[in-house]
Amino acid sequence: MQDEYGSDFLTIEDEDGTQYELEVLTTLEYNGCTYLAVIPADSQGDYEVMILKSVDEDGESILCAIEDEEELTAVNNLIIDQLYEEDE
């Protein structure tokens, strides 16, 4: 999702209807799924990177938290490697 012109941004809505704008740091394809590393778009320095998984639900892509600890660890390690490669 990133290109030479800068970061991508997306807006998500939770089940309560609250909208959040996120900056996409990187995307990753792993085991046939798409994962996104995101931060809040309005973060000023201190922020926690969130890893979300894109899943199809009723023909629509939705982003959700990764509940499986092994999957989260594997994806986290791959994303860290990918982000360090981009910095070099």
Protein backbone atom coordinates (compact mmCIF):
# COMPACT_ATOMS: atom_id res chain seq x y z
CA MET A 1 0.00 0.00 0.00
CA GLN A 2 2.89 2.35 0.45
CA ASP A 3 4.42 3.93 -2.59
CA GLU A 4 7.08 6.48 -3.35
CA TYR A 5 4.68 9.34 -2.60
CA GLY A 6 4.12 8.57 1.08
CA SER A 7 1.85 6.71 3.40
CA ASP A 8 -1.70 5.55 2.86
CA PHE A 9 -4.49 6.38 5.25
CA LEU A 10 -7.74 4.59 5.91
CA THR A 11 -10.79 5.14 8.05
CA ILE A 12 -12.33 2.28 9.99
CA GLU A 13 -15.52 2.14 12.01
CA ASP A 14 -16.03 0.01 15.11
CA GLU A 15 -19.23 -1.78 16.06
CA ASP A 16 -20.38 1.31 17.99
CA GLY A 17 -20.09 3.53 14.91
CA THR A 18 -16.97 5.38 16.10
CA GLN A 19 -14.61 6.17 13.23
CA TYR A 20 -10.82 6.06 13.45
CA GLU A 21 -8.30 7.29 10.90
CA LEU A 22 -5.22 5.10 10.62
CA GLU A 23 -1.92 5.46 8.81
CA VAL A 24 -0.84 2.26 7.06
CA LEU A 25 2.86 1.65 7.67
CA THR A 26 3.08 -1.51 5.58
CA THR A 27 1.09 -4.47 4.31
CA LEU A 28 2.09 -8.10 4.24
CA GLU A 29 0.78 -11.20 2.48
CA TYR A 30 1.25 -14.31 4.64
CA ASN A 31 -0.38 -17.74 4.36
CA GLY A 32 -2.93 -16.40 1.89
CA CYS A 33 -4.05 -13.52 4.12
CA THR A 34 -3.36 -9.79 4.08
CA TYR A 35 -2.10 -8.04 7.21
CA LEU A 36 -1.66 -4.32 7.84
CA ALA A 37 0.62 -2.57 10.32
CA VAL A 38 -1.13 0.67 11.29
CA ILE A 39 -0.88 3.54 13.73
CA PRO A 40 -3.43 6.24 14.62
CA ALA A 41 -3.18 8.99 12.00
CA ASP A 42 -3.09 11.68 14.67
CA SER A 43 -0.29 10.11 16.73
CA GLN A 44 2.37 12.57 17.83
CA GLY A 45 5.53 10.59 18.57
CA ASP A 46 4.44 7.94 21.08
CA TYR A 47 2.29 5.31 19.44
CA GLU A 48 1.74 1.59 19.43
CA VAL A 49 1.78 -0.22 16.11
CA MET A 50 -1.34 -2.33 15.62
CA ILE A 51 -1.41 -5.34 13.33
CA LEU A 52 -4.77 -6.03 11.73
CA LYS A 53 -5.87 -8.91 9.52
CA SER A 54 -8.06 -8.35 6.47
CA VAL A 55 -10.82 -10.95 6.21
CA ASP A 56 -13.77 -11.28 3.84
CA GLU A 57 -17.16 -11.24 5.49
CA ASP A 58 -20.24 -11.39 3.29
CA GLY A 59 -18.17 -10.30 0.29
CA GLU A 60 -16.76 -7.27 2.10
CA SER A 61 -13.22 -6.88 3.45
CA ILE A 62 -13.07 -6.06 7.13
CA LEU A 63 -10.11 -5.53 9.44
CA CYS A 64 -9.92 -7.45 12.68
CA ALA A 65 -7.51 -8.13 15.51
CA ILE A 66 -5.43 -11.31 15.37
CA GLU A 67 -6.53 -13.58 18.20
CA ASP A 68 -4.14 -16.49 17.63
CA GLU A 69 -0.90 -15.78 19.54
CA GLU A 70 1.31 -17.85 17.20
CA GLU A 71 -0.12 -16.16 14.11
CA LEU A 72 0.37 -12.73 15.69
CA THR A 73 3.98 -13.49 16.64
CA ALA A 74 4.82 -14.80 13.15
CA VAL A 75 3.22 -11.81 11.39
CA ASN A 76 4.79 -9.35 13.83
CA ASN A 77 8.28 -10.74 13.15
CA LEU A 78 7.75 -10.61 9.37
CA ILE A 79 6.48 -7.03 9.53
CA ILE A 80 9.44 -5.93 11.67
CA ASP A 81 11.82 -7.52 9.14
CA GLN A 82 9.97 -5.82 6.27
CA LEU A 83 10.03 -2.38 7.93
CA TYR A 84 13.77 -2.67 8.66
CA GLU A 85 14.43 -3.67 5.03
CA GLU A 86 12.57 -0.55 3.84
CA ASP A 87 14.70 1.67 6.10
CA GLU A 88 18.00 0.37 4.69
